[in-house]
PDB file of all heavy atoms in Angstrom:
ATOM      1  N   VAL A   1      32.741-122.181 191.910  1.00  0.00           N
ATOM      2  CA  VAL A   1      32.299-122.303 193.222  1.00  0.00           C
ATOM      3  C   VAL A   1      31.990-123.681 193.562  1.00  0.00           C
ATOM      4  O   VAL A   1      32.576-124.266 194.496  1.00  0.00           O
ATOM      5  CB  VAL A   1      31.233-121.284 193.539  1.00  0.00           C
ATOM      6  CG1 VAL A   1      30.765-121.545 195.095  1.00  0.00           C
ATOM      7  CG2 VAL A   1      31.681-119.921 193.478  1.00  0.00           C
ATOM      8  N   THR A   2      31.112-124.232 192.770  1.00  0.00           N
ATOM      9  CA  THR A   2      30.706-125.610 193.063  1.00  0.00           C
ATOM     10  C   THR A   2      31.806-126.660 193.006  1.00  0.00           C
ATOM     11  O   THR A   2      32.024-127.574 193.611  1.00  0.00           O
ATOM     12  CB  THR A   2      29.553-126.019 192.332  1.00  0.00           C
ATOM     13  OG1 THR A   2      29.831-125.867 190.908  1.00  0.00           O
ATOM     14  CG2 THR A   2      28.260-125.111 192.654  1.00  0.00           C
ATOM     15  N   ARG A   3      32.701-126.405 191.946  1.00  0.00           N
ATOM     16  CA  ARG A   3      33.745-127.350 191.643  1.00  0.00           C
ATOM     17  C   ARG A   3      34.784-127.330 192.695  1.00  0.00           C
ATOM     18  O   ARG A   3      35.144-128.288 193.274  1.00  0.00           O
ATOM     19  CB  ARG A   3      34.482-126.975 190.324  1.00  0.00           C
ATOM     20  CG  ARG A   3      35.606-128.012 189.945  1.00  0.00           C
ATOM     21  CD  ARG A   3      36.075-127.693 188.639  1.00  0.00           C
ATOM     22  NE  ARG A   3      36.770-126.477 188.497  1.00  0.00           N
ATOM     23  CZ  ARG A   3      36.309-125.373 187.794  1.00  0.00           C
ATOM     24  NH1 ARG A   3      35.160-125.435 187.147  1.00  0.00           N
ATOM     25  NH2 ARG A   3      36.854-124.219 187.743  1.00  0.00           N
ATOM     26  N   HIS A   4      35.256-126.089 193.180  1.00  0.00           N
ATOM     27  CA  HIS A   4      36.344-126.109 194.129  1.00  0.00           C
ATOM     28  C   HIS A   4      35.750-126.218 195.438  1.00  0.00           C
ATOM     29  O   HIS A   4      36.322-126.753 196.450  1.00  0.00           O
ATOM     30  CB  HIS A   4      37.160-124.786 194.146  1.00  0.00           C
ATOM     31  CG  HIS A   4      38.298-124.769 195.079  1.00  0.00           C
ATOM     32  ND1 HIS A   4      39.452-125.407 194.876  1.00  0.00           N
ATOM     33  CD2 HIS A   4      38.376-124.128 196.306  1.00  0.00           C
ATOM     34  CE1 HIS A   4      40.321-125.219 195.896  1.00  0.00           C
ATOM     35  NE2 HIS A   4      39.607-124.427 196.871  1.00  0.00           N
ATOM     36  N   GLY A   5      34.540-125.795 195.726  1.00  0.00           N
ATOM     37  CA  GLY A   5      33.859-125.910 196.951  1.00  0.00           C
ATOM     38  C   GLY A   5      33.460-127.295 197.444  1.00  0.00           C
ATOM     39  O   GLY A   5      32.978-127.539 198.579  1.00  0.00           O
ATOM     40  N   LYS A   6      33.461-128.171 196.465  1.00  0.00           N
ATOM     41  CA  LYS A   6      32.939-129.623 196.670  1.00  0.00           C
ATOM     42  C   LYS A   6      33.652-130.113 197.924  1.00  0.00           C
ATOM     43  O   LYS A   6      32.972-130.920 198.791  1.00  0.00           O
ATOM     44  CB  LYS A   6      33.096-130.362 195.444  1.00  0.00           C
ATOM     45  CG  LYS A   6      32.400-131.735 195.637  1.00  0.00           C
ATOM     46  CD  LYS A   6      32.336-132.526 194.385  1.00  0.00           C
ATOM     47  CE  LYS A   6      31.618-133.889 194.624  1.00  0.00           C
ATOM     48  NZ  LYS A   6      31.618-134.673 193.333  1.00  0.00           N
ATOM     49  N   LYS A   7      34.937-130.087 197.926  1.00  0.00           N
ATOM     50  CA  LYS A   7      35.689-130.623 199.088  1.00  0.00           C
ATOM     51  C   LYS A   7      35.334-130.201 200.425  1.00  0.00           C
ATOM     52  O   LYS A   7      35.538-130.755 201.483  1.00  0.00           O
ATOM     53  CB  LYS A   7      37.237-130.582 198.845  1.00  0.00           C
ATOM     54  CG  LYS A   7      37.817-129.069 198.900  1.00  0.00           C
ATOM     55  CD  LYS A   7      39.177-129.166 198.752  1.00  0.00           C
ATOM     56  CE  LYS A   7      39.843-127.722 198.686  1.00  0.00           C
ATOM     57  NZ  LYS A   7      41.342-127.819 198.420  1.00  0.00           N
ATOM     58  N   TYR A   8      34.656-128.940 200.506  1.00  0.00           N
ATOM     59  CA  TYR A   8      34.255-128.405 201.677  1.00  0.00           C
ATOM     60  C   TYR A   8      32.802-128.483 201.822  1.00  0.00           C
ATOM     61  O   TYR A   8      32.047-128.006 202.794  1.00  0.00           O
ATOM     62  CB  TYR A   8      34.568-126.889 201.791  1.00  0.00           C
ATOM     63  CG  TYR A   8      36.089-126.634 201.844  1.00  0.00           C
ATOM     64  CD1 TYR A   8      36.638-126.124 200.556  1.00  0.00           C
ATOM     65  CD2 TYR A   8      36.747-126.904 202.927  1.00  0.00           C
ATOM     66  CE1 TYR A   8      38.002-125.779 200.458  1.00  0.00           C
ATOM     67  CE2 TYR A   8      38.130-126.582 202.854  1.00  0.00           C
ATOM     68  CZ  TYR A   8      38.800-126.060 201.659  1.00  0.00           C
ATOM     69  OH  TYR A   8      40.132-125.807 201.780  1.00  0.00           O
ATOM     70  N   HIS A   9      32.118-129.125 200.995  1.00  0.00           N
ATOM     71  CA  HIS A   9      30.562-129.127 200.786  1.00  0.00           C
ATOM     72  C   HIS A   9      30.049-127.777 200.879  1.00  0.00           C
ATOM     73  O   HIS A   9      28.955-127.570 201.520  1.00  0.00           O
ATOM     74  CB  HIS A   9      30.070-130.085 202.006  1.00  0.00           C
ATOM     75  CG  HIS A   9      30.472-131.424 202.093  1.00  0.00           C
ATOM     76  ND1 HIS A   9      30.426-132.359 201.003  1.00  0.00           N
ATOM     77  CD2 HIS A   9      31.286-132.099 203.043  1.00  0.00           C
ATOM     78  CE1 HIS A   9      31.048-133.468 201.328  1.00  0.00           C
ATOM     79  NE2 HIS A   9      31.568-133.353 202.543  1.00  0.00           N
ATOM     80  N   HIS A  10      30.592-127.008 200.012  1.00  0.00           N
ATOM     81  CA  HIS A  10      30.145-125.563 200.037  1.00  0.00           C
ATOM     82  C   HIS A  10      28.964-125.420 199.077  1.00  0.00           C
ATOM     83  O   HIS A  10      29.040-125.926 197.819  1.00  0.00           O
ATOM     84  CB  HIS A  10      31.226-124.664 199.472  1.00  0.00           C
ATOM     85  CG  HIS A  10      31.210-123.254 199.847  1.00  0.00           C
ATOM     86  ND1 HIS A  10      31.866-122.682 200.871  1.00  0.00           N
ATOM     87  CD2 HIS A  10      30.419-122.174 199.405  1.00  0.00           C
ATOM     88  CE1 HIS A  10      31.561-121.417 201.099  1.00  0.00           C
ATOM     89  NE2 HIS A  10      30.584-121.057 200.159  1.00  0.00           N
ATOM     90  N   GLY A  11      27.836-125.005 199.558  1.00  0.00           N
ATOM     91  CA  GLY A  11      26.556-125.047 198.852  1.00  0.00           C
ATOM     92  C   GLY A  11      26.247-123.749 198.177  1.00  0.00           C
ATOM     93  O   GLY A  11      27.090-122.797 197.981  1.00  0.00           O
ATOM     94  N   LEU A  12      24.954-123.611 197.805  1.00  0.00           N
ATOM     95  CA  LEU A  12      24.475-122.472 197.091  1.00  0.00           C
ATOM     96  C   LEU A  12      23.318-121.826 197.803  1.00  0.00           C
ATOM     97  O   LEU A  12      22.470-122.489 198.496  1.00  0.00           O
ATOM     98  CB  LEU A  12      24.124-122.724 195.712  1.00  0.00           C
ATOM     99  CG  LEU A  12      25.193-123.298 194.749  1.00  0.00           C
ATOM    100  CD1 LEU A  12      24.729-123.696 193.455  1.00  0.00           C
ATOM    101  CD2 LEU A  12      26.307-122.172 194.526  1.00  0.00           C
ATOM    102  N   GLU A  13      23.048-120.488 197.583  1.00  0.00           N
ATOM    103  CA  GLU A  13      21.724-119.865 198.111  1.00  0.00           C
ATOM    104  C   GLU A  13      21.168-119.239 196.870  1.00  0.00           C
ATOM    105  O   GLU A  13      21.778-118.635 196.011  1.00  0.00           O
ATOM    106  CB  GLU A  13      22.181-118.664 199.120  1.00  0.00           C
ATOM    107  CG  GLU A  13      20.951-118.105 199.641  1.00  0.00           C
ATOM    108  CD  GLU A  13      20.578-116.859 198.762  1.00  0.00           C
ATOM    109  OE1 GLU A  13      21.359-116.363 198.049  1.00  0.00           O
ATOM    110  OE2 GLU A  13      19.342-116.336 198.951  1.00  0.00           O
ATOM    111  N   ALA A  14      19.776-119.525 196.697  1.00  0.00           N
ATOM    112  CA  ALA A  14      19.049-119.016 195.652  1.00  0.00           C
ATOM    113  C   ALA A  14      17.908-118.119 196.237  1.00  0.00           C
ATOM    114  O   ALA A  14      17.203-118.578 197.068  1.00  0.00           O
ATOM    115  CB  ALA A  14      18.426-120.127 194.792  1.00  0.00           C
ATOM    116  N   GLY A  15      17.526-117.020 195.566  1.00  0.00           N
ATOM    117  CA  GLY A  15      16.581-116.182 196.047  1.00  0.00           C
ATOM    118  C   GLY A  15      15.633-115.930 195.023  1.00  0.00           C
ATOM    119  O   GLY A  15      14.698-115.051 195.080  1.00  0.00           O
ATOM    120  N   SER A  16      15.587-116.787 193.919  1.00  0.00           N
ATOM    121  CA  SER A  16      14.392-116.630 192.816  1.00  0.00           C
ATOM    122  C   SER A  16      14.386-118.097 192.150  1.00  0.00           C
ATOM    123  O   SER A  16      15.221-118.898 192.270  1.00  0.00           O
ATOM    124  CB  SER A  16      14.803-115.620 191.828  1.00  0.00           C
ATOM    125  OG  SER A  16      15.916-115.907 191.035  1.00  0.00           O
ATOM    126  N   LYS A  17      13.326-118.127 191.446  1.00  0.00           N
ATOM    127  CA  LYS A  17      13.126-119.315 190.639  1.00  0.00           C
ATOM    128  C   LYS A  17      14.240-119.651 189.687  1.00  0.00           C
ATOM    129  O   LYS A  17      14.794-120.807 189.625  1.00  0.00           O
ATOM    130  CB  LYS A  17      11.779-119.431 189.916  1.00  0.00           C
ATOM    131  CG  LYS A  17      10.720-119.814 190.835  1.00  0.00           C
ATOM    132  CD  LYS A  17       9.328-119.998 190.038  1.00  0.00           C
ATOM    133  CE  LYS A  17       8.755-118.687 189.541  1.00  0.00           C
ATOM    134  NZ  LYS A  17       7.444-118.773 188.874  1.00  0.00           N
ATOM    135  N   ALA A  18      14.711-118.602 188.983  1.00  0.00           N
ATOM    136  CA  ALA A  18      15.635-118.722 188.008  1.00  0.00           C
ATOM    137  C   ALA A  18      17.010-119.157 188.693  1.00  0.00           C
ATOM    138  O   ALA A  18      17.820-120.042 188.203  1.00  0.00           O
ATOM    139  CB  ALA A  18      15.844-117.465 187.315  1.00  0.00           C
ATOM    140  N   GLU A  19      17.280-118.573 189.956  1.00  0.00           N
ATOM    141  CA  GLU A  19      18.488-118.865 190.628  1.00  0.00           C
ATOM    142  C   GLU A  19      18.397-120.412 191.149  1.00  0.00           C
ATOM    143  O   GLU A  19      19.472-121.117 191.170  1.00  0.00           O
ATOM    144  CB  GLU A  19      18.768-117.939 191.860  1.00  0.00           C
ATOM    145  CG  GLU A  19      19.239-116.544 191.290  1.00  0.00           C
ATOM    146  CD  GLU A  19      19.486-115.677 192.375  1.00  0.00           C
ATOM    147  OE1 GLU A  19      19.293-115.941 193.592  1.00  0.00           O
ATOM    148  OE2 GLU A  19      20.064-114.604 192.182  1.00  0.00           O
ATOM    149  N   LEU A  20      17.185-120.787 191.624  1.00  0.00           N
ATOM    150  CA  LEU A  20      17.052-122.256 192.087  1.00  0.00           C
ATOM    151  C   LEU A  20      17.255-123.186 190.948  1.00  0.00           C
ATOM    152  O   LEU A  20      17.916-124.259 191.196  1.00  0.00           O
ATOM    153  CB  LEU A  20      15.651-122.236 192.737  1.00  0.00           C
ATOM    154  CG  LEU A  20      15.308-123.701 193.220  1.00  0.00           C
ATOM    155  CD1 LEU A  20      16.426-124.223 194.163  1.00  0.00           C
ATOM    156  CD2 LEU A  20      13.915-123.820 193.845  1.00  0.00           C
ATOM    157  N   ILE A  21      16.781-122.911 189.871  1.00  0.00           N
ATOM    158  CA  ILE A  21      16.832-123.819 188.665  1.00  0.00           C
ATOM    159  C   ILE A  21      18.415-123.897 188.334  1.00  0.00           C
ATOM    160  O   ILE A  21      18.868-124.995 187.927  1.00  0.00           O
ATOM    161  CB  ILE A  21      16.031-123.286 187.543  1.00  0.00           C
ATOM    162  CG1 ILE A  21      14.473-123.597 187.796  1.00  0.00           C
ATOM    163  CG2 ILE A  21      16.565-123.990 186.200  1.00  0.00           C
ATOM    164  CD1 ILE A  21      13.613-123.033 186.713  1.00  0.00           C
ATOM    165  N   ALA A  22      19.195-122.725 188.326  1.00  0.00           N
ATOM    166  CA  ALA A  22      20.542-122.663 188.048  1.00  0.00           C
ATOM    167  C   ALA A  22      21.220-123.620 189.076  1.00  0.00           C
ATOM    168  O   ALA A  22      22.156-124.436 188.753  1.00  0.00           O
ATOM    169  CB  ALA A  22      21.043-121.257 188.007  1.00  0.00           C
ATOM    170  N   ALA A  23      20.821-123.471 190.375  1.00  0.00           N
ATOM    171  CA  ALA A  23      21.585-124.100 191.340  1.00  0.00           C
ATOM    172  C   ALA A  23      21.269-125.647 191.336  1.00  0.00           C
ATOM    173  O   ALA A  23      22.299-126.419 191.541  1.00  0.00           O
ATOM    174  CB  ALA A  23      21.027-123.549 192.688  1.00  0.00           C
ATOM    175  N   MET A  24      20.092-126.062 191.063  1.00  0.00           N
ATOM    176  CA  MET A  24      19.746-127.526 190.933  1.00  0.00           C
ATOM    177  C   MET A  24      20.537-128.123 189.839  1.00  0.00           C
ATOM    178  O   MET A  24      20.929-129.330 189.810  1.00  0.00           O
ATOM    179  CB  MET A  24      18.233-127.669 190.767  1.00  0.00           C
ATOM    180  CG  MET A  24      17.481-127.354 192.099  1.00  0.00           C
ATOM    181  SD  MET A  24      15.624-127.187 191.695  1.00  0.00           S
ATOM    182  CE  MET A  24      15.326-129.083 191.308  1.00  0.00           C
ATOM    183  N   GLY A  25      20.854-127.355 188.713  1.00  0.00           N
ATOM    184  CA  GLY A  25      21.547-127.881 187.665  1.00  0.00           C
ATOM    185  C   GLY A  25      23.095-127.874 187.800  1.00  0.00           C
ATOM    186  O   GLY A  25      23.685-128.792 187.359  1.00  0.00           O
ATOM    187  N   MET A  26      23.477-126.953 188.715  1.00  0.00           N
ATOM    188  CA  MET A  26      24.953-126.821 188.868  1.00  0.00           C
ATOM    189  C   MET A  26      25.437-127.746 190.043  1.00  0.00           C
ATOM    190  O   MET A  26      26.557-128.186 190.201  1.00  0.00           O
ATOM    191  CB  MET A  26      25.270-125.404 189.184  1.00  0.00           C
ATOM    192  CG  MET A  26      25.149-124.537 187.872  1.00  0.00           C
ATOM    193  SD  MET A  26      25.973-124.983 186.506  1.00  0.00           S
ATOM    194  CE  MET A  26      27.587-124.656 187.074  1.00  0.00           C
ATOM    195  N   LEU A  27      24.636-127.909 191.116  1.00  0.00           N
ATOM    196  CA  LEU A  27      25.019-128.533 192.457  1.00  0.00           C
ATOM    197  C   LEU A  27      24.960-130.014 192.292  1.00  0.00           C
ATOM    198  O   LEU A  27      23.989-130.577 192.013  1.00  0.00           O
ATOM    199  CB  LEU A  27      24.271-127.962 193.574  1.00  0.00           C
ATOM    200  CG  LEU A  27      24.713-128.267 194.877  1.00  0.00           C
ATOM    201  CD1 LEU A  27      26.167-127.618 195.179  1.00  0.00           C
ATOM    202  CD2 LEU A  27      23.717-127.763 195.961  1.00  0.00           C
ATOM    203  N   ARG A  28      26.058-130.817 192.500  1.00  0.00           N
ATOM    204  CA  ARG A  28      26.111-132.199 192.527  1.00  0.00           C
ATOM    205  C   ARG A  28      26.341-132.726 193.870  1.00  0.00           C
ATOM    206  O   ARG A  28      26.057-133.882 194.164  1.00  0.00           O
ATOM    207  CB  ARG A  28      27.188-132.630 191.634  1.00  0.00           C
ATOM    208  CG  ARG A  28      27.131-132.172 190.138  1.00  0.00           C
ATOM    209  CD  ARG A  28      25.901-132.873 189.501  1.00  0.00           C
ATOM    210  NE  ARG A  28      25.880-132.489 188.043  1.00  0.00           N
ATOM    211  CZ  ARG A  28      26.441-133.225 187.041  1.00  0.00           C
ATOM    212  NH1 ARG A  28      27.290-134.125 187.390  1.00  0.00           N
ATOM    213  NH2 ARG A  28      26.310-132.839 185.792  1.00  0.00           N
ATOM    214  N   ASP A  29      26.789-131.929 194.833  1.00  0.00           N
ATOM    215  CA  ASP A  29      27.138-132.449 196.199  1.00  0.00           C
ATOM    216  C   ASP A  29      25.857-132.464 197.104  1.00  0.00           C
ATOM    217  O   ASP A  29      25.415-131.445 197.488  1.00  0.00           O
ATOM    218  CB  ASP A  29      28.169-131.557 196.759  1.00  0.00           C
ATOM    219  CG  ASP A  29      28.697-131.985 198.191  1.00  0.00           C
ATOM    220  OD1 ASP A  29      28.422-133.090 198.558  1.00  0.00           O
ATOM    221  OD2 ASP A  29      29.343-131.295 198.672  1.00  0.00           O
ATOM    222  N   THR A  30      25.369-133.592 197.488  1.00  0.00           N
ATOM    223  CA  THR A  30      24.233-133.812 198.314  1.00  0.00           C
ATOM    224  C   THR A  30      24.466-133.453 199.794  1.00  0.00           C
ATOM    225  O   THR A  30      23.510-133.360 200.620  1.00  0.00           O
ATOM    226  CB  THR A  30      23.466-135.124 198.123  1.00  0.00           C
ATOM    227  OG1 THR A  30      24.403-136.043 198.383  1.00  0.00           O
ATOM    228  CG2 THR A  30      22.937-135.206 196.785  1.00  0.00           C
ATOM    229  N   GLU A  31      25.737-133.314 200.057  1.00  0.00           N
ATOM    230  CA  GLU A  31      26.167-133.011 201.491  1.00  0.00           C
ATOM    231  C   GLU A  31      26.145-131.443 201.745  1.00  0.00           C
ATOM    232  O   GLU A  31      26.150-131.001 202.726  1.00  0.00           O
ATOM    233  CB  GLU A  31      27.537-133.456 201.858  1.00  0.00           C
ATOM    234  CG  GLU A  31      27.746-135.016 201.822  1.00  0.00           C
ATOM    235  CD  GLU A  31      26.662-135.586 202.949  1.00  0.00           C
ATOM    236  OE1 GLU A  31      26.807-135.108 204.071  1.00  0.00           O
ATOM    237  OE2 GLU A  31      25.973-136.482 202.566  1.00  0.00           O
ATOM    238  N   ALA A  32      26.136-130.826 200.583  1.00  0.00           N
ATOM    239  CA  ALA A  32      26.058-129.255 200.593  1.00  0.00           C
ATOM    240  C   ALA A  32      24.649-128.779 200.754  1.00  0.00           C
ATOM    241  O   ALA A  32      23.569-129.461 200.638  1.00  0.00           O
ATOM    242  CB  ALA A  32      26.645-128.723 199.353  1.00  0.00           C
ATOM    243  N   VAL A  33      24.478-127.589 201.404  1.00  0.00           N
ATOM    244  CA  VAL A  33      23.266-127.032 201.544  1.00  0.00           C
ATOM    245  C   VAL A  33      22.757-126.233 200.272  1.00  0.00           C
ATOM    246  O   VAL A  33      23.503-125.604 199.707  1.00  0.00           O
ATOM    247  CB  VAL A  33      23.090-126.143 202.834  1.00  0.00           C
ATOM    248  CG1 VAL A  33      23.137-126.943 204.103  1.00  0.00           C
ATOM    249  CG2 VAL A  33      24.119-125.131 202.913  1.00  0.00           C
ATOM    250  N   LEU A  34      21.394-126.256 200.030  1.00  0.00           N
ATOM    251  CA  LEU A  34      20.965-125.406 199.056  1.00  0.00           C
ATOM    252  C   LEU A  34      19.831-124.543 199.733  1.00  0.00           C
ATOM    253  O   LEU A  34      18.633-125.037 200.007  1.00  0.00           O
ATOM    254  CB  LEU A  34      20.286-126.208 197.920  1.00  0.00           C
ATOM    255  CG  LEU A  34      19.464-125.559 196.802  1.00  0.00           C
ATOM    256  CD1 LEU A  34      20.314-124.400 196.180  1.00  0.00           C
ATOM    257  CD2 LEU A  34      19.121-126.526 195.772  1.00  0.00           C
ATOM    258  N   VAL A  35      20.103-123.427 200.052  1.00  0.00           N
ATOM    259  CA  VAL A  35      19.105-122.467 200.925  1.00  0.00           C
ATOM    260  C   VAL A  35      18.411-121.695 199.889  1.00  0.00           C
ATOM    261  O   VAL A  35      18.751-121.042 198.982  1.00  0.00           O
ATOM    262  CB  VAL A  35      19.881-121.514 201.718  1.00  0.00           C
ATOM    263  CG1 VAL A  35      19.173-120.609 202.613  1.00  0.00           C
ATOM    264  CG2 VAL A  35      20.990-122.371 202.695  1.00  0.00           C
ATOM    265  N   CYS A  36      17.013-121.678 200.116  1.00  0.00           N
ATOM    266  CA  CYS A  36      16.040-121.048 199.258  1.00  0.00           C
ATOM    267  C   CYS A  36      15.490-119.875 199.960  1.00  0.00           C
ATOM    268  O   CYS A  36      14.648-120.128 200.901  1.00  0.00           O
ATOM    269  CB  CYS A  36      14.944-121.933 198.800  1.00  0.00           C
ATOM    270  SG  CYS A  36      15.531-123.308 197.785  1.00  0.00           S
ATOM    271  N   ASN A  37      15.902-118.677 199.546  1.00  0.00           N
ATOM    272  CA  ASN A  37      15.317-117.450 200.128  1.00  0.00           C
ATOM    273  C   ASN A  37      14.424-116.729 199.211  1.00  0.00           C
ATOM    274  O   ASN A  37      14.243-117.247 198.283  1.00  0.00           O
ATOM    275  CB  ASN A  37      16.508-116.473 200.568  1.00  0.00           C
ATOM    276  CG  ASN A  37      17.368-117.034 201.778  1.00  0.00           C
ATOM    277  OD1 ASN A  37      16.770-117.623 202.632  1.00  0.00           O
ATOM    278  ND2 ASN A  37      18.589-116.839 201.648  1.00  0.00           N
ATOM    279  N   GLY A  38      13.947-115.557 199.613  1.00  0.00           N
ATOM    280  CA  GLY A  38      13.049-114.874 198.636  1.00  0.00           C
ATOM    281  C   GLY A  38      11.679-115.305 198.797  1.00  0.00           C
ATOM    282  O   GLY A  38      11.226-116.233 199.432  1.00  0.00           O
ATOM    283  N   TYR A  39      10.741-114.519 197.994  1.00  0.00           N
ATOM    284  CA  TYR A  39       9.341-114.828 197.930  1.00  0.00           C
ATOM    285  C   TYR A  39       9.088-115.950 197.071  1.00  0.00           C
ATOM    286  O   TYR A  39       9.758-116.187 196.077  1.00  0.00           O
ATOM    287  CB  TYR A  39       8.578-113.684 197.249  1.00  0.00           C
ATOM    288  CG  TYR A  39       8.565-112.610 198.200  1.00  0.00           C
ATOM    289  CD1 TYR A  39       9.021-111.079 197.769  1.00  0.00           C
ATOM    290  CD2 TYR A  39       8.107-112.461 199.466  1.00  0.00           C
ATOM    291  CE1 TYR A  39       8.956-110.077 198.539  1.00  0.00           C
ATOM    292  CE2 TYR A  39       8.019-111.363 200.250  1.00  0.00           C
ATOM    293  CZ  TYR A  39       8.399-110.204 199.722  1.00  0.00           C
ATOM    294  OH  TYR A  39       8.340-109.070 200.546  1.00  0.00           O
TER     295      TYR A  39
END
């Protein structure tokens, strides 16, 4: 998703700490959004 989505600045949504840590490690595009939901 992050590789092909880069040309569209397609970002990620994380709903937990584990997902956020995964997203921070996988996402390289600072133009994309990283949305943090959940408690």
